[in-house]
Protein backbone atom coordinates (compact mmCIF):
# COMPACT_ATOMS: atom_id res chain seq x y z
CA MET A 1 -22.16 36.68 33.28
CA PHE A 2 -23.91 37.95 35.93
CA SER A 3 -25.65 40.53 36.06
CA PHE A 4 -28.92 42.79 37.69
CA ALA A 5 -32.19 43.52 36.03
CA ASN A 6 -32.84 46.18 38.13
CA PRO A 7 -29.69 47.62 39.27
CA GLN A 8 -30.73 50.57 40.23
CA TYR A 9 -31.92 49.27 43.28
CA LEU A 10 -28.89 48.03 44.55
CA TYR A 11 -27.93 51.72 46.12
CA LEU A 12 -30.11 50.59 48.66
CA LEU A 13 -27.55 48.89 50.11
CA LEU A 14 -26.24 52.02 51.06
CA LEU A 15 -29.13 51.53 54.46
CA LEU A 16 -27.29 48.83 55.52
CA PRO A 17 -24.44 51.58 57.57
CA ALA A 18 -26.84 53.44 58.43
CA ILE A 19 -28.69 50.73 59.89
CA ALA A 20 -25.71 49.40 61.63
CA GLY A 21 -24.72 52.88 62.90
CA MET A 22 -28.15 53.05 64.66
CA PHE A 23 -27.74 49.91 66.01
CA TRP A 24 -24.51 51.52 67.29
CA TRP A 25 -25.79 54.24 68.66
CA SER A 26 -28.82 52.33 70.75
CA ARG A 27 -26.64 50.44 72.33
CA ARG A 28 -23.54 52.96 73.88
CA ALA A 29 -27.07 54.75 74.94
CA ARG A 30 -28.14 51.99 76.36
CA GLN A 31 -25.00 51.22 78.32
CA ALA A 32 -25.26 55.18 79.20
CA LYS A 33 -28.67 54.48 80.83
CA LEU A 34 -27.74 51.48 82.87
CA LYS A 35 -24.59 53.24 84.39
CA THR A 36 -26.79 56.15 86.08
CA PHE A 37 -28.12 53.05 87.96
CA GLY A 38 -24.11 51.83 89.49
CA ARG A 39 -21.37 49.85 87.89
CA SER A 40 -21.06 47.68 85.10
CA GLU A 41 -20.37 44.70 86.86
CA VAL A 42 -23.14 44.97 89.37
CA ILE A 43 -25.50 45.74 87.08
CA GLU A 44 -24.42 42.42 84.62
CA GLN A 45 -24.36 40.50 87.97
CA LEU A 46 -28.32 41.65 88.37
CA MET A 47 -29.07 40.58 85.13
CA PRO A 48 -27.52 37.23 84.35
CA ASP A 49 -29.54 35.62 81.56
CA VAL A 50 -29.43 38.64 79.23
CA SER A 51 -26.79 38.15 76.45
CA ARG A 52 -23.95 40.07 75.38
CA TYR A 53 -23.21 38.70 72.27
CA LYS A 54 -26.91 38.06 71.10
CA PRO A 55 -27.75 41.26 70.39
CA TYR A 56 -24.64 41.27 67.46
CA ILE A 57 -26.08 37.60 65.88
CA GLN A 58 -29.51 39.03 65.83
CA LEU A 59 -27.94 42.54 64.07
CA THR A 60 -25.28 40.61 61.95
CA LEU A 61 -29.43 38.59 60.33
CA GLU A 62 -31.49 41.23 60.18
CA LEU A 63 -28.58 43.05 57.75
CA LEU A 64 -28.30 39.74 55.95
CA ILE A 65 -32.00 39.44 55.47
CA VAL A 66 -31.83 43.35 54.55
CA ALA A 67 -28.70 42.54 51.80
CA LEU A 68 -30.46 39.64 50.27
CA VAL A 69 -34.20 41.50 49.89
CA ILE A 70 -31.96 44.35 48.01
CA VAL A 71 -30.43 41.76 45.81
CA ILE A 72 -33.85 40.30 45.08
CA LEU A 73 -35.35 43.34 44.07
CA ALA A 74 -33.09 43.68 41.63
CA ARG A 75 -32.92 40.30 40.50
CA PRO A 76 -30.06 38.52 39.80
CA ARG A 77 -29.70 37.04 36.47
CA ALA A 78 -26.94 34.07 35.26
CA GLY A 79 -26.16 33.16 31.98
CA ALA A 80 -27.43 34.58 28.19
CA SER A 81 -28.74 32.41 25.47
CA SER A 82 -29.76 34.75 22.46
CA THR A 83 -33.86 33.47 21.26
CA SER A 84 -35.73 34.72 18.32
CA THR A 85 -39.83 34.10 17.45
CA THR A 86 -41.80 34.66 15.19
CA VAL A 87 -44.46 37.35 14.96
CA HIS A 88 -47.85 36.10 13.39
CA GLY A 89 -50.88 38.64 12.96
CA ILE A 90 -52.61 40.70 10.63
CA GLU A 91 -52.56 44.47 9.23
CA MET A 92 -55.21 46.65 10.87
CA MET A 93 -56.08 50.36 9.97
CA VAL A 94 -58.46 51.87 11.92
CA ALA A 95 -60.22 54.76 11.02
CA VAL A 96 -62.01 56.87 13.57
CA ASP A 97 -64.17 59.99 13.46
CA VAL A 98 -63.59 62.95 14.68
CA SER A 99 -66.25 65.40 13.47
CA ASN A 100 -68.15 67.85 16.05
CA SER A 101 -71.23 64.75 16.03
CA MET A 102 -69.38 62.78 17.67
CA ASN A 103 -69.36 64.84 21.41
CA ALA A 104 -72.93 64.06 20.98
CA SER A 105 -74.04 60.84 22.91
CA ALA A 106 -73.06 57.77 22.29
CA THR A 107 -77.10 57.13 23.60
CA ASP A 108 -80.49 58.52 24.27
CA ASP A 109 -79.25 59.76 27.23
CA PRO A 110 -77.90 63.64 26.20
CA GLN A 111 -75.48 63.82 29.77
CA ASP A 112 -74.27 60.53 28.52
CA ILE A 113 -70.29 59.58 27.41
CA SER A 114 -69.84 60.95 23.98
CA ARG A 115 -69.19 59.13 20.74
CA LEU A 116 -65.85 59.57 20.88
CA GLN A 117 -65.56 58.06 24.22
CA ARG A 118 -66.97 55.24 23.69
CA ALA A 119 -65.09 55.25 20.28
CA LYS A 120 -61.92 55.78 22.16
CA MET A 121 -62.64 52.97 24.61
CA ILE A 122 -63.88 50.47 22.38
CA LEU A 123 -60.46 51.17 19.96
CA GLU A 124 -58.38 50.47 23.12
CA LYS A 125 -59.81 47.45 23.69
CA ILE A 126 -59.37 46.01 20.79
CA ILE A 127 -55.62 47.52 20.54
CA ASP A 128 -55.08 45.80 24.10
CA ARG A 129 -56.37 42.59 22.16
CA SER A 130 -54.08 42.91 18.65
CA GLN A 131 -50.41 41.89 20.34
CA ASN A 132 -49.59 40.08 17.70
CA ASP A 133 -51.01 42.73 15.14
CA LYS A 134 -49.68 45.66 13.81
CA VAL A 135 -52.26 48.84 13.70
CA GLY A 136 -52.82 51.69 12.29
CA LEU A 137 -54.72 54.57 13.13
CA VAL A 138 -56.43 56.88 10.72
CA VAL A 139 -58.74 60.44 11.72
CA PHE A 140 -61.23 61.98 9.73
CA ALA A 141 -63.80 64.86 9.81
CA GLY A 142 -64.42 66.62 6.73
CA ASN A 143 -60.39 64.94 5.22
CA ALA A 144 -58.87 61.90 6.15
CA TYR A 145 -55.32 62.72 8.43
CA MET A 146 -52.34 60.01 9.22
CA GLN A 147 -52.19 60.12 12.30
CA MET A 148 -50.70 56.43 13.18
CA PRO A 149 -48.49 54.83 10.30
CA LEU A 150 -48.50 50.88 11.19
CA THR A 151 -46.55 49.88 13.89
CA SER A 152 -46.83 46.29 16.05
CA ASP A 153 -45.80 48.92 18.96
CA VAL A 154 -48.81 48.71 21.60
CA SER A 155 -47.79 51.61 23.78
CA SER A 156 -47.75 54.04 21.21
CA ALA A 157 -51.15 53.19 19.78
CA LYS A 158 -52.45 53.90 22.81
CA LEU A 159 -50.30 57.15 23.27
CA PHE A 160 -51.85 58.29 20.07
CA LEU A 161 -55.11 56.89 21.09
CA ASN A 162 -54.91 59.56 24.03
CA SER A 163 -54.92 62.61 22.28
CA ILE A 164 -57.63 62.37 19.59
CA ASN A 165 -59.96 65.04 19.69
CA THR A 166 -62.72 67.06 17.58
CA ASN A 167 -60.79 70.34 17.64
CA MET A 168 -57.50 68.25 15.75
CA VAL A 169 -59.28 68.39 12.19
CA PRO A 170 -59.88 72.23 10.78
CA THR A 171 -61.96 70.68 7.97
CA GLN A 172 -65.08 69.72 9.47
CA GLY A 173 -67.45 67.46 7.93
CA THR A 174 -67.67 63.28 7.48
CA ALA A 175 -65.18 61.74 5.09
CA ILE A 176 -65.21 58.36 5.23
CA GLY A 177 -64.59 57.24 1.76
CA ALA A 178 -61.34 59.32 2.11
CA ALA A 179 -60.59 57.70 5.53
CA ILE A 180 -60.77 54.52 4.10
CA GLU A 181 -58.65 55.17 0.88
CA MET A 182 -56.07 56.80 3.00
CA ALA A 183 -55.86 53.88 5.16
CA ALA A 184 -56.06 51.46 2.75
CA GLY A 185 -52.58 52.63 0.65
CA SER A 186 -50.57 52.75 4.65
CA PHE A 187 -50.55 48.96 4.09
CA SER A 188 -47.29 47.33 3.09
CA GLN A 189 -46.65 46.35 0.40
CA SER A 190 -46.78 42.51 1.05
CA LYS A 191 -49.43 40.34 -1.24
CA LYS A 192 -48.97 37.32 1.92
CA SER A 193 -50.46 39.79 5.11
CA GLN A 194 -54.06 39.52 5.49
CA LYS A 195 -55.06 43.70 5.48
CA THR A 196 -57.83 44.84 7.36
CA ILE A 197 -59.55 48.29 8.28
CA ILE A 198 -61.95 49.30 10.76
CA VAL A 199 -63.97 52.90 10.42
CA ILE A 200 -65.55 53.68 13.69
CA THR A 201 -68.48 56.43 12.83
CA ASP A 202 -71.88 57.34 13.30
CA GLY A 203 -72.31 56.64 9.88
CA GLU A 204 -73.59 60.93 8.73
CA ASN A 205 -70.98 60.73 5.79
CA PHE A 206 -71.28 63.85 3.59
CA GLU A 207 -68.76 64.53 2.05
CA ASP A 208 -68.08 61.31 -0.29
CA ASP A 209 -69.14 58.43 -1.96
CA ALA A 210 -67.33 55.34 1.15
CA VAL A 211 -69.52 53.21 -0.26
CA ALA A 212 -67.48 53.37 -3.24
CA ALA A 213 -64.04 53.37 -1.57
CA ALA A 214 -64.78 50.11 0.51
CA ARG A 215 -65.23 48.41 -2.64
CA GLN A 216 -62.77 49.50 -3.86
CA ALA A 217 -60.62 48.45 -0.89
CA GLU A 218 -62.05 44.84 -1.25
CA LYS A 219 -61.19 44.57 -4.69
CA ASN A 220 -57.43 44.84 -3.93
CA GLY A 221 -57.93 42.07 -0.42
CA ILE A 222 -59.17 44.63 2.26
CA LYS A 223 -61.75 43.37 4.88
CA VAL A 224 -63.48 47.26 6.05
CA SER A 225 -66.11 46.33 8.55
CA VAL A 226 -67.58 49.96 10.12
CA MET A 227 -68.13 50.14 13.87
CA GLY A 228 -71.38 52.25 14.66
CA VAL A 229 -71.71 54.87 17.59
CA GLY A 230 -73.93 56.62 18.71
CA SER A 231 -78.29 56.57 19.08
CA THR A 232 -80.80 55.70 16.68
CA HIS A 233 -82.77 58.30 18.10
CA GLY A 234 -80.55 60.85 17.84
CA ALA A 235 -79.06 63.50 20.56
CA PRO A 236 -77.80 67.16 20.13
CA ILE A 237 -74.53 67.97 20.03
CA PRO A 238 -72.87 69.67 22.82
CA MET A 239 -70.88 73.32 22.83
CA PRO A 240 -68.03 73.99 24.72
CA ASP A 241 -69.65 76.84 26.26
CA GLY A 242 -71.82 74.33 27.41
CA GLY A 243 -75.40 74.96 25.23
CA TYR A 244 -76.36 73.20 21.61
CA LEU A 245 -74.81 73.45 18.45
CA MET A 246 -78.35 75.40 16.67
CA ASP A 247 -79.44 75.13 13.07
CA ASP A 248 -79.34 78.53 10.45
CA SER A 249 -82.16 79.54 12.91
CA GLY A 250 -81.02 79.41 16.10
CA SER A 251 -84.11 78.30 17.35
CA GLN A 252 -84.35 74.33 17.25
CA PRO A 253 -80.76 72.13 18.04
CA VAL A 254 -79.40 70.07 15.44
CA VAL A 255 -79.88 65.92 16.52
CA THR A 256 -77.71 63.90 14.94
CA TYR A 257 -78.48 60.39 13.90
CA LEU A 258 -76.51 57.08 14.03
CA ASN A 259 -76.51 56.30 10.09
CA GLU A 260 -76.98 52.82 10.44
CA GLU A 261 -77.94 51.94 7.17
CA MET A 262 -75.45 53.41 5.40
CA ALA A 263 -72.88 51.59 7.95
CA GLN A 264 -74.45 48.71 7.02
CA GLN A 265 -73.93 49.40 2.86
CA ILE A 266 -70.62 50.43 3.38
CA ALA A 267 -69.67 47.28 5.74
CA ASP A 268 -71.50 44.90 2.54
CA ALA A 269 -69.42 46.60 0.21
CA GLY A 270 -65.98 45.97 1.95
CA ASP A 271 -67.03 41.86 2.69
CA GLY A 272 -66.99 42.94 6.17
CA LEU A 273 -68.66 43.52 9.34
CA TYR A 274 -71.05 45.77 10.69
CA VAL A 275 -71.06 46.50 14.72
CA ASN A 276 -73.33 48.71 17.03
CA GLY A 277 -70.84 49.61 19.27
CA ASN A 278 -73.39 50.06 21.84
CA ALA A 279 -73.79 46.19 22.70
CA GLY A 280 -72.28 44.90 25.30
CA ASP A 281 -70.78 42.33 22.97
CA ALA A 282 -69.73 44.76 20.30
CA VAL A 283 -65.70 44.15 20.61
CA GLU A 284 -65.84 40.39 21.19
CA THR A 285 -67.94 40.31 17.45
CA LEU A 286 -65.56 42.34 16.55
CA ARG A 287 -62.33 40.38 17.69
CA ASP A 288 -63.68 36.98 16.75
CA MET A 289 -64.11 38.28 13.01
CA LEU A 290 -60.54 39.58 13.19
CA ASP A 291 -59.34 36.40 14.35
CA LYS A 292 -60.57 34.40 11.96
CA LEU A 293 -58.62 36.25 9.05
CA ALA A 294 -55.34 34.81 7.75
CA LYS A 295 -52.05 35.49 10.37
CA THR A 296 -49.28 35.78 8.15
CA ASP A 297 -45.59 36.10 9.79
CA LEU A 298 -45.26 40.18 10.33
CA ALA A 299 -41.19 40.16 12.14
CA THR A 300 -39.05 37.90 13.75
CA VAL A 301 -38.16 39.89 17.11
CA ALA A 302 -34.55 38.24 18.62
CA TYR A 303 -34.17 38.89 22.34
CA THR A 304 -32.19 38.02 25.14
CA GLN A 305 -33.08 35.00 27.64
CA HIS A 306 -31.25 35.49 31.34
CA ASP A 307 -31.62 32.58 34.09
CA GLU A 308 -33.35 34.45 36.77
CA GLN A 309 -31.19 33.64 39.80
CA PHE A 310 -33.55 34.93 42.49
CA PRO A 311 -35.00 32.13 43.91
CA VAL A 312 -31.86 31.01 45.99
CA PHE A 313 -32.27 34.23 47.58
CA ALA A 314 -35.10 34.08 48.36
CA TRP A 315 -34.50 30.96 49.80
CA ILE A 316 -31.59 31.98 52.05
CA THR A 317 -33.37 34.66 52.84
CA LEU A 318 -36.55 32.74 54.35
CA ILE A 319 -34.13 30.08 56.09
CA LEU A 320 -32.64 33.28 57.95
CA ILE A 321 -35.69 34.72 58.87
CA ILE A 322 -36.53 31.02 60.31
CA ALA A 323 -33.02 31.58 62.01
CA LEU A 324 -33.64 35.04 63.27
CA MET A 325 -37.28 33.88 65.33
CA PHE A 326 -34.55 31.65 67.11
CA VAL A 327 -32.41 34.14 68.57
CA MET A 328 -33.70 35.50 71.09
CA GLU A 329 -31.51 38.38 73.18
CA ARG A 330 -31.76 36.09 76.81
CA LYS A 331 -28.86 33.38 77.40
CA ASN A 332 -29.66 30.14 76.15
CA PRO A 333 -29.82 27.62 78.98
CA TRP A 334 -28.36 24.83 77.71
CA LEU A 335 -25.04 26.98 76.91
CA LYS A 336 -24.75 27.72 80.30
CA GLN A 337 -22.40 24.69 81.21
CA PHE A 338 -20.31 26.11 78.07
CA ASN A 339 -17.15 28.59 79.00
CA PHE A 340 -16.48 30.22 75.29
CA PHE A 341 -15.46 33.61 76.25
CA THR A 342 -13.74 33.46 79.84
CA ARG A 343 -11.65 31.48 82.01
CA ASN A 344 -13.45 31.92 84.95
CA ASN A 345 -17.12 30.00 85.35
CA GLU A 346 -19.29 32.95 84.39
CA THR A 347 -20.27 32.45 81.00
CA ASP A 348 -21.21 35.88 78.48
CA GLN A 349 -23.15 34.13 75.95
């Protein structure tokens, strides 16, 4: 069966009559201008090397080239074969801290990008390199919320990622333990698939026992890794009005720190890895750890494969372009000795 991958481009074939009409109009306009100089028979004798038929040959070649290019854009295909492949990967839940402290700078410079922006950049790179894995997303502050269940659709994961902000959770705080528990309960029931949780946070946990939650997840065969974002020297928390969050007395800005000690304890309890998000090789280090996890069969993907036919049309187009380069409006000198269209000795080719 012959088909096209992009059939919408075939509508461009409607341009061919328009091009032919423009050519016909230009030829009529040319003849009208020549008549202003005298009779057609006399003018033609003054231009003996101008061919009457070459322009039409050029037009035919040009229309064929345009038509073939349009067909190539439409990607012609012939034949179809059903193929299935098994996807090997891991199940990965990512828990992202969206508390107000994540609005603070990710570095020692208070004007640098925020911790949440840094977290989203890191997470996007992780998702890009997890094409065969199932990825889910949990956001947390004072409570944890499921943002996206496990999916192998990378595009959907990025769509949910772009919507993350610190205003999406009504209760402020940092409940890392609740996020780990929710992520751990979101995996499939398959005991064969390797499961892991990645927590992206500044490590300031005030709500629950995150270490105990990570230890329980590890007992259930789920590894818990932590990526810390922020500065250990601390940074003020910017407010929407342009100022900074102040303490209860209103005299000093609240300074939030990256708690690497807490983040390391959570990772150790979860038999995972702690990575500083400001490190240049943070994503590579985390991805190397994920690549070492055992891959299992997550799904069987069936698809139809077609044989692409556009190379045939491309070669024909190239031949016509080369032919067009040798077609001039002047008569071919070596054809003047032949008389194709009249019974006298004059030739019009």
